[in-house]
Amino acid sequence: MAVQSSARRVLPWAWNGQALARVSGGALGTVRGRSGGGSLLQSRWQSSLPQLGRVDSSPLFSSAVKRCVPACRSDEENTGGDIDWDNLGFGLTPTDYMYVMRCPQASGVFARGELSRYGNVELSPSSGVLNYGQGLFEGLKAYRRADGAGYMLFRPEENARRMQAGAERMCMPAPSVEQFVHAVKQTVLANTRWVPPQGKGALYIRPLLIGSGAILGLAPAPEYTFVIYASPVGTYFKEGIMSAIHLLVEEEFHRAMPGGTGGVKTITNYAPVLKAQMDAKSKGFADVLYLDSVHKRYVEEASSCNLFVLKGGTLATPATAGTILPGITRRSIIELARDRGYRVEERLVSIDDLVGADEVFCTGTAVGVTPVSTVTYKGTRYEFRTGEDTLSRKLYDTLTSIQMGLAEDKKGWTVAID
């Protein structure tokens, strides 16, 4: 059945058997394909969407994307639909609501944000993010507390500060730390039914800052949009929690270069790594390790996570000097390792340091703490220590216990959401 209006509309997505078509008056309608009907996932998502109060139309979003007034909180009685929490993986599961806030370049100040139904965002084809890649994103997680009395965020203010640093590099305004953290909390509260049971995963939260205003010449966009959406996730790598992975050292392609944007979380850092990553995965590797672009002998990071190498009592990680993203999990692991009496060095880590290490592991919001079983370099595979009696395992246990509220947070890293 076609949907028509004098206003422009978009649907949350086009599913199998349907396509979006432009109709008169600038509206978008749905055209049913030969098979008819939508996917089971789509119909379940729509039928289970909680009604959280009065909603109003928003000019930026479609009829399927409405503002929720007043503050929304999802229905805990209807938890996660038909999700198999034991086999969650790291893929997109559409949740109920997202948070939206806008800012004209002239003011440089973000207005009060609002919760909207999850759905597509309509952009001009000449928007800054589509034409010039003017955009940033962040990633953090919300965990269900062990006592069932709410939810936990891990160092969200650090994500806010990192976005601010990236925004300065990309000539964009950014939300204040207070605005950022408030928006994250509201997003979690609006989607609590999608927070996995403790020990089964987390609600992954993805803040986006994009140049949404239309611009033709190369210049900062005239308007910016801050969006947060969320999805329940399990482990990032298919190998599973604390299962060791195999990495390949990439010798042809480079992730970043001095003077570039490798040290900020801009969207333009990620598509260029897909070629090397897909080639490595086709050969059975989980991910790629990149070398520096100048000397081609110093390890920097993997496609989506930082790297640590352990030799004796010294733990080393590549220094963040502009080409490496300053990970929040990375910073936390450095502190936890020092608490255990290890000497931690942030420095250049050569390929010789890597292949001669006793233990190697990766860190990041998505990957957590993931041990590395082997690294392949110039056709030679180097093996490292893995298992229960390793530093990575101990650090993982300590970190996740703090994140989920299972251990006392003596460092003030967690933020409660009640």
Protein backbone atom coordinates (compact mmCIF):
# COMPACT_ATOMS: atom_id res chain seq x y z
CA MET A 1 0.00 0.00 0.00
CA ALA A 2 1.57 3.27 -1.07
CA VAL A 3 2.22 6.03 1.42
CA GLN A 4 1.82 9.52 0.00
CA SER A 5 1.91 12.98 1.50
CA SER A 6 2.53 16.55 0.49
CA ALA A 7 5.53 16.42 2.81
CA ARG A 8 8.64 14.42 1.99
CA ARG A 9 8.77 11.07 3.78
CA VAL A 10 11.19 8.20 4.19
CA LEU A 11 10.74 4.82 5.76
CA PRO A 12 13.13 3.35 8.34
CA TRP A 13 14.52 1.14 5.59
CA ALA A 14 13.52 -0.55 2.36
CA TRP A 15 13.03 -4.26 2.98
CA ASN A 16 12.88 -7.28 0.72
CA GLY A 17 9.99 -7.06 -1.68
CA GLN A 18 9.67 -3.29 -1.42
CA ALA A 19 11.50 -0.32 -2.84
CA LEU A 20 11.36 3.40 -2.32
CA ALA A 21 10.04 5.43 -5.22
CA ARG A 22 9.74 9.16 -5.81
CA VAL A 23 6.13 10.25 -6.29
CA SER A 24 4.47 13.54 -7.15
CA GLY A 25 4.84 16.45 -4.79
CA GLY A 26 8.33 15.41 -3.70
CA ALA A 27 7.03 12.60 -1.50
CA LEU A 28 8.44 9.12 -1.20
CA GLY A 29 6.10 6.18 -1.56
CA THR A 30 6.57 2.46 -1.12
CA VAL A 31 6.18 0.17 -4.10
CA ARG A 32 5.43 -3.46 -3.33
CA GLY A 33 7.60 -5.96 -5.15
CA ARG A 34 6.52 -9.25 -6.65
CA SER A 35 6.95 -11.22 -3.47
CA GLY A 36 4.73 -8.86 -1.47
CA GLY A 37 5.03 -8.12 2.24
CA GLY A 38 8.01 -7.19 4.37
CA SER A 39 10.60 -9.26 6.14
CA LEU A 40 9.86 -11.03 9.42
CA LEU A 41 12.45 -8.89 11.19
CA GLN A 42 10.80 -5.69 9.95
CA SER A 43 7.28 -6.75 10.92
CA ARG A 44 8.40 -7.93 14.36
CA TRP A 45 10.25 -4.67 14.93
CA GLN A 46 7.23 -2.58 13.98
CA SER A 47 4.72 -4.64 15.96
CA SER A 48 6.87 -4.62 19.10
CA LEU A 49 7.63 -0.89 19.05
CA PRO A 50 6.51 0.50 22.42
CA GLN A 51 4.25 3.53 22.51
CA LEU A 52 6.11 5.94 24.73
CA GLY A 53 3.85 8.97 24.79
CA ARG A 54 2.77 11.78 22.51
CA VAL A 55 4.83 12.26 19.36
CA ASP A 56 5.11 15.28 17.11
CA SER A 57 6.26 15.67 13.53
CA SER A 58 9.86 16.75 12.96
CA PRO A 59 10.90 18.52 9.73
CA LEU A 60 14.17 16.61 9.49
CA PHE A 61 12.68 13.15 9.75
CA SER A 62 10.08 11.01 8.07
CA SER A 63 6.61 10.09 9.22
CA ALA A 64 8.15 6.93 10.65
CA VAL A 65 10.52 9.04 12.70
CA LYS A 66 8.67 11.05 15.33
CA ARG A 67 9.73 13.04 18.35
CA CYS A 68 8.85 11.63 21.73
CA VAL A 69 7.42 14.08 24.27
CA PRO A 70 8.10 14.00 27.19
CA ALA A 71 11.21 11.95 28.03
CA CYS A 72 10.78 8.37 26.83
CA ARG A 73 11.51 5.09 28.54
CA SER A 74 11.03 1.77 26.81
CA ASP A 75 8.94 -1.06 28.14
CA GLU A 76 11.02 -3.53 30.15
CA GLU A 77 8.18 -6.04 30.01
CA ASN A 78 8.77 -6.51 26.28
CA THR A 79 12.50 -7.19 26.32
CA GLY A 80 14.30 -7.48 23.01
CA GLY A 81 11.62 -9.17 20.93
CA ASP A 82 12.81 -12.56 19.64
CA ILE A 83 16.55 -12.03 20.02
CA ASP A 84 18.68 -15.04 20.78
CA TRP A 85 20.88 -13.43 23.43
CA ASP A 86 23.28 -16.40 23.43
CA ASN A 87 24.15 -15.86 19.75
CA LEU A 88 23.98 -12.11 19.46
CA GLY A 89 27.17 -11.28 17.54
CA PHE A 90 28.07 -7.77 16.41
CA GLY A 91 25.44 -6.77 13.90
CA LEU A 92 22.76 -4.10 13.64
CA THR A 93 19.52 -4.84 15.43
CA PRO A 94 17.14 -1.88 14.98
CA THR A 95 15.96 -0.53 18.32
CA ASP A 96 13.11 1.85 19.12
CA TYR A 97 14.44 5.36 19.47
CA MET A 98 17.35 7.61 18.58
CA TYR A 99 18.41 11.02 19.86
CA VAL A 100 18.71 14.05 17.55
CA MET A 101 20.21 17.50 18.05
CA ARG A 102 21.02 20.20 15.48
CA CYS A 103 23.36 23.18 15.27
CA PRO A 104 23.68 26.03 12.73
CA GLN A 105 27.31 26.83 11.96
CA ALA A 106 26.68 30.52 12.63
CA SER A 107 25.81 29.96 16.29
CA GLY A 108 28.13 27.01 16.94
CA VAL A 109 25.77 25.95 19.73
CA PHE A 110 23.63 22.82 19.71
CA ALA A 111 19.98 23.36 20.56
CA ARG A 112 18.09 21.14 22.94
CA GLY A 113 17.89 17.62 21.53
CA GLU A 114 14.94 15.26 21.31
CA LEU A 115 14.22 11.56 21.08
CA SER A 116 12.83 10.38 17.75
CA ARG A 117 11.63 7.05 16.47
CA TYR A 118 14.52 5.14 14.90
CA GLY A 119 14.55 5.65 11.15
CA ASN A 120 16.31 7.14 8.17
CA VAL A 121 17.68 10.67 8.20
CA GLU A 122 16.94 12.78 5.14
CA LEU A 123 19.94 14.68 3.77
CA SER A 124 20.54 17.01 0.86
CA PRO A 125 22.69 15.38 -1.84
CA SER A 126 24.98 18.38 -1.40
CA SER A 127 25.39 17.94 2.36
CA GLY A 128 28.90 18.28 3.73
CA VAL A 129 29.05 14.73 5.02
CA LEU A 130 28.06 13.18 1.67
CA ASN A 131 30.33 15.32 -0.49
CA TYR A 132 33.37 15.93 1.67
CA GLY A 133 33.18 13.33 4.44
CA GLN A 134 32.72 15.91 7.18
CA GLY A 135 31.67 13.58 9.94
CA LEU A 136 32.74 11.88 13.17
CA PHE A 137 31.43 8.99 15.19
CA GLU A 138 31.92 7.51 18.63
CA GLY A 139 31.20 4.15 20.20
CA LEU A 140 30.40 3.21 23.79
CA LYS A 141 28.35 0.61 25.63
CA ALA A 142 25.64 0.40 28.28
CA TYR A 143 25.55 -2.64 30.54
CA ARG A 144 22.75 -4.07 32.62
CA ARG A 145 23.67 -3.96 36.32
CA ALA A 146 23.96 -7.21 38.25
CA ASP A 147 21.42 -6.10 40.87
CA GLY A 148 18.89 -5.20 38.18
CA ALA A 149 18.70 -1.65 39.53
CA GLY A 150 19.64 0.14 36.34
CA TYR A 151 22.40 0.41 33.77
CA MET A 152 26.06 1.37 33.61
CA LEU A 153 28.01 3.52 31.17
CA PHE A 154 31.78 3.42 31.00
CA ARG A 155 33.61 6.77 30.86
CA PRO A 156 31.13 8.51 28.50
CA GLU A 157 32.69 11.90 29.21
CA GLU A 158 35.89 10.65 27.52
CA ASN A 159 33.93 9.88 24.36
CA ALA A 160 32.51 13.39 24.50
CA ARG A 161 35.97 14.94 24.81
CA ARG A 162 37.34 12.81 22.00
CA MET A 163 34.48 13.93 19.77
CA GLN A 164 35.25 17.54 20.64
CA ALA A 165 38.91 17.05 19.68
CA GLY A 166 37.87 15.44 16.41
CA ALA A 167 35.38 18.21 15.71
CA GLU A 168 38.07 20.84 16.07
CA ARG A 169 40.23 18.99 13.54
CA MET A 170 37.29 18.65 11.13
CA CYS A 171 36.08 22.28 11.53
CA MET A 172 32.81 21.27 13.20
CA PRO A 173 30.96 22.41 16.31
CA ALA A 174 30.47 19.71 18.93
CA PRO A 175 28.05 19.10 21.80
CA SER A 176 29.29 19.96 25.27
CA VAL A 177 30.31 17.11 27.54
CA GLU A 178 27.08 17.59 29.49
CA GLN A 179 24.94 17.53 26.34
CA PHE A 180 26.72 14.42 25.06
CA VAL A 181 26.34 12.43 28.28
CA HIS A 182 22.72 13.52 28.72
CA ALA A 183 21.93 12.41 25.16
CA VAL A 184 23.56 9.02 25.74
CA LYS A 185 21.55 8.50 28.92
CA GLN A 186 18.28 9.41 27.19
CA THR A 187 19.05 7.02 24.34
CA VAL A 188 19.64 4.17 26.78
CA LEU A 189 16.48 4.89 28.77
CA ALA A 190 14.43 4.95 25.57
CA ASN A 191 15.80 1.55 24.53
CA THR A 192 16.20 -0.34 27.81
CA ARG A 193 14.34 -3.37 26.54
CA TRP A 194 17.22 -3.91 24.12
CA VAL A 195 19.94 -4.00 26.78
CA PRO A 196 21.09 -7.66 26.87
CA PRO A 197 20.96 -9.66 30.09
CA GLN A 198 24.15 -9.34 32.05
CA GLY A 199 26.91 -11.49 30.64
CA LYS A 200 25.17 -11.78 27.26
CA GLY A 201 26.41 -8.54 25.73
CA ALA A 202 25.77 -4.81 25.90
CA LEU A 203 23.79 -2.05 24.25
CA TYR A 204 26.23 -0.52 21.77
CA ILE A 205 25.69 3.24 21.46
CA ARG A 206 26.76 5.03 18.28
CA PRO A 207 26.89 8.87 18.42
CA LEU A 208 27.29 10.57 15.03
CA LEU A 209 28.25 14.16 14.29
CA ILE A 210 27.73 15.06 10.62
CA GLY A 211 27.81 18.09 8.37
CA SER A 212 24.16 17.91 7.36
CA GLY A 213 23.90 21.33 5.73
CA ALA A 214 24.06 21.76 1.96
CA ILE A 215 27.35 23.03 0.53
CA LEU A 216 28.78 22.97 -3.00
CA GLY A 217 32.24 24.48 -2.69
CA LEU A 218 34.84 22.93 -0.40
CA ALA A 219 34.01 24.53 2.94
CA PRO A 220 32.51 23.61 6.32
CA ALA A 221 28.82 22.76 6.15
CA PRO A 222 26.35 25.45 7.22
CA GLU A 223 24.51 23.11 9.60
CA TYR A 224 25.37 20.07 11.75
CA THR A 225 23.36 17.20 13.15
CA PHE A 226 24.20 15.07 16.17
CA VAL A 227 22.48 11.67 16.21
CA ILE A 228 22.72 8.75 18.62
CA TYR A 229 21.31 5.32 17.86
CA ALA A 230 21.84 2.02 19.64
CA SER A 231 21.92 -1.71 18.98
CA PRO A 232 22.36 -4.75 21.25
CA VAL A 233 25.65 -6.52 20.52
CA GLY A 234 27.67 -9.51 21.59
CA THR A 235 31.27 -10.22 20.67
CA TYR A 236 32.92 -8.29 17.83
CA PHE A 237 35.01 -11.13 16.44
CA LYS A 238 33.25 -14.33 15.43
CA GLU A 239 35.72 -16.33 17.53
CA GLY A 240 33.84 -15.30 20.70
CA ILE A 241 34.65 -13.78 24.09
CA MET A 242 38.37 -13.97 24.89
CA SER A 243 38.93 -16.36 21.99
CA ALA A 244 42.30 -15.67 20.40
CA ILE A 245 42.42 -14.23 16.89
CA HIS A 246 44.86 -14.37 13.96
CA LEU A 247 46.19 -11.12 12.48
CA LEU A 248 48.00 -10.28 9.25
CA VAL A 249 50.54 -7.46 8.99
CA GLU A 250 49.60 -5.31 6.01
CA GLU A 251 52.57 -4.18 3.93
CA GLU A 252 50.94 -2.41 0.98
CA PHE A 253 48.16 -0.26 2.41
CA HIS A 254 48.39 2.21 5.30
CA ARG A 255 45.68 3.34 7.66
CA ALA A 256 47.03 6.83 8.36
CA MET A 257 49.90 9.20 7.72
CA PRO A 258 51.60 12.00 9.69
CA GLY A 259 49.60 15.19 9.53
CA GLY A 260 46.42 13.34 8.57
CA THR A 261 43.37 12.40 10.61
CA GLY A 262 44.42 9.03 12.03
CA GLY A 263 44.28 10.40 15.56
CA VAL A 264 40.60 11.41 15.42
CA LYS A 265 37.51 9.29 14.89
CA THR A 266 36.45 10.71 11.56
CA ILE A 267 34.29 8.56 9.30
CA THR A 268 36.82 8.96 6.49
CA ASN A 269 39.37 6.80 8.32
CA TYR A 270 37.38 3.61 7.98
CA ALA A 271 36.32 2.93 4.39
CA PRO A 272 39.96 2.99 3.17
CA VAL A 273 40.82 0.00 5.41
CA LEU A 274 38.08 -2.21 3.97
CA LYS A 275 40.15 -3.43 1.02
CA ALA A 276 43.00 -4.72 3.18
CA GLN A 277 40.62 -6.06 5.80
CA MET A 278 38.49 -8.02 3.33
CA ASP A 279 41.56 -9.46 1.63
CA ALA A 280 42.86 -10.63 5.02
CA LYS A 281 39.53 -12.15 6.01
CA SER A 282 39.38 -14.07 2.75
CA LYS A 283 42.62 -15.74 3.85
CA GLY A 284 41.28 -16.69 7.27
CA PHE A 285 42.58 -13.77 9.34
CA ALA A 286 40.36 -11.83 11.74
CA ASP A 287 41.88 -8.44 11.00
CA VAL A 288 44.88 -6.47 9.74
CA LEU A 289 47.74 -4.78 11.56
CA TYR A 290 49.00 -1.61 9.90
CA LEU A 291 52.57 -0.34 9.76
CA ASP A 292 53.59 3.31 9.81
CA SER A 293 53.57 4.96 6.38
CA VAL A 294 57.06 6.52 6.67
CA HIS A 295 59.46 3.79 7.83
CA LYS A 296 57.11 0.84 7.29
CA ARG A 297 58.55 -0.96 10.31
CA TYR A 298 56.56 0.34 13.28
CA VAL A 299 53.24 -1.22 14.18
CA GLU A 300 50.37 1.24 14.62
CA GLU A 301 46.96 -0.40 15.12
CA ALA A 302 44.44 -2.78 13.64
CA SER A 303 41.47 -1.68 11.55
CA SER A 304 39.30 -0.95 14.56
CA CYS A 305 41.35 -1.42 17.71
CA ASN A 306 44.59 -0.60 19.53
CA LEU A 307 47.46 -3.03 20.10
CA PHE A 308 49.49 -4.11 23.15
CA VAL A 309 52.60 -6.32 23.28
CA LEU A 310 53.97 -7.91 26.46
CA LYS A 311 57.59 -8.92 26.96
CA GLY A 312 58.56 -10.02 30.44
CA GLY A 313 57.22 -7.42 32.86
CA THR A 314 56.94 -4.64 30.29
CA LEU A 315 53.76 -3.89 28.40
CA ALA A 316 54.17 -1.65 25.34
CA THR A 317 51.59 0.04 23.13
CA PRO A 318 52.17 2.33 20.13
CA ALA A 319 52.20 5.99 21.16
CA THR A 320 49.28 8.10 19.95
CA ALA A 321 51.20 10.76 18.04
CA GLY A 322 48.62 11.77 15.47
CA THR A 323 48.29 8.59 13.41
CA ILE A 324 46.78 6.34 16.09
CA LEU A 325 43.36 6.75 17.70
CA PRO A 326 43.61 7.41 21.47
CA GLY A 327 41.31 4.61 22.58
CA ILE A 328 39.37 4.94 25.82
CA THR A 329 39.69 1.22 26.50
CA ARG A 330 43.39 1.56 25.70
CA ARG A 331 43.81 4.30 28.31
CA SER A 332 41.93 2.22 30.89
CA ILE A 333 44.03 -0.88 30.23
CA ILE A 334 47.24 1.14 30.66
CA GLU A 335 46.10 2.21 34.11
CA LEU A 336 44.89 -1.26 35.14
CA ALA A 337 48.17 -2.85 34.00
CA ARG A 338 50.18 -0.34 36.04
CA ASP A 339 48.00 -1.14 39.04
CA ARG A 340 49.18 -4.75 38.67
CA GLY A 341 52.81 -3.67 38.79
CA TYR A 342 53.61 -3.83 35.08
CA ARG A 343 55.79 -1.25 33.45
CA VAL A 344 53.76 0.29 30.63
CA GLU A 345 55.47 2.09 27.77
CA GLU A 346 53.77 4.25 25.15
CA ARG A 347 56.36 4.35 22.37
CA LEU A 348 57.25 3.23 18.89
CA VAL A 349 56.67 -0.52 18.67
CA SER A 350 58.73 -2.10 15.91
CA ILE A 351 57.82 -5.18 13.98
CA ASP A 352 60.69 -6.89 15.81
CA ASP A 353 59.09 -5.97 19.16
CA LEU A 354 55.86 -7.49 17.93
CA VAL A 355 57.12 -10.82 16.65
CA GLY A 356 59.37 -11.24 19.71
CA ALA A 357 56.61 -10.63 22.25
CA ASP A 358 55.37 -13.14 24.82
CA GLU A 359 51.78 -11.99 24.59
CA VAL A 360 49.83 -9.74 22.21
CA PHE A 361 46.29 -8.41 22.55
CA CYS A 362 43.94 -5.79 21.10
CA THR A 363 41.67 -3.34 22.91
CA GLY A 364 38.68 -1.22 21.97
CA THR A 365 35.07 -0.50 22.84
CA ALA A 366 33.79 -3.00 20.30
CA VAL A 367 36.46 -5.70 20.77
CA GLY A 368 36.96 -5.26 24.53
CA VAL A 369 40.20 -7.07 25.32
CA THR A 370 40.94 -9.68 22.65
CA PRO A 371 44.02 -11.95 22.77
CA VAL A 372 46.05 -12.52 19.62
CA SER A 373 47.11 -16.08 18.94
CA THR A 374 49.24 -15.48 15.84
CA VAL A 375 50.54 -12.67 13.67
CA THR A 376 51.66 -13.37 10.10
CA TYR A 377 54.37 -11.15 8.63
CA LYS A 378 56.06 -11.69 5.27
CA GLY A 379 54.69 -15.22 5.09
CA THR A 380 55.91 -16.29 8.54
CA ARG A 381 53.44 -16.97 11.33
CA TYR A 382 54.47 -15.99 14.87
CA GLU A 383 52.65 -17.49 17.86
CA PHE A 384 51.93 -15.92 21.24
CA ARG A 385 50.79 -17.09 24.66
CA THR A 386 47.02 -17.28 25.21
CA GLY A 387 44.70 -18.84 27.75
CA GLU A 388 43.49 -18.32 31.30
CA ASP A 389 46.86 -17.49 32.90
CA THR A 390 47.62 -14.46 30.76
CA LEU A 391 47.70 -10.74 31.40
CA SER A 392 45.01 -10.10 28.80
CA ARG A 393 42.63 -12.45 30.62
CA LYS A 394 43.26 -10.78 33.97
CA LEU A 395 42.82 -7.32 32.51
CA TYR A 396 39.64 -8.40 30.73
CA ASP A 397 38.15 -9.75 33.96
CA THR A 398 39.04 -6.59 35.88
CA LEU A 399 37.75 -4.25 33.19
CA THR A 400 34.43 -6.01 32.58
CA SER A 401 33.79 -6.39 36.30
CA ILE A 402 34.02 -2.61 36.65
CA GLN A 403 31.94 -1.97 33.52
CA MET A 404 29.10 -4.24 34.66
CA GLY A 405 29.10 -3.18 38.30
CA LEU A 406 30.42 -6.51 39.57
CA ALA A 407 33.42 -4.86 41.25
CA GLU A 408 33.82 -1.61 43.14
CA ASP A 409 34.66 1.25 40.82
CA LYS A 410 37.48 2.91 42.75
CA LYS A 411 38.44 5.06 39.77
CA GLY A 412 35.11 6.75 39.15
CA TRP A 413 34.92 5.45 35.59
CA THR A 414 31.30 4.34 35.52
CA VAL A 415 28.12 6.40 35.26
CA ALA A 416 24.89 4.93 36.58
CA ILE A 417 21.59 5.25 34.74
CA ASP A 418 18.58 4.54 36.95
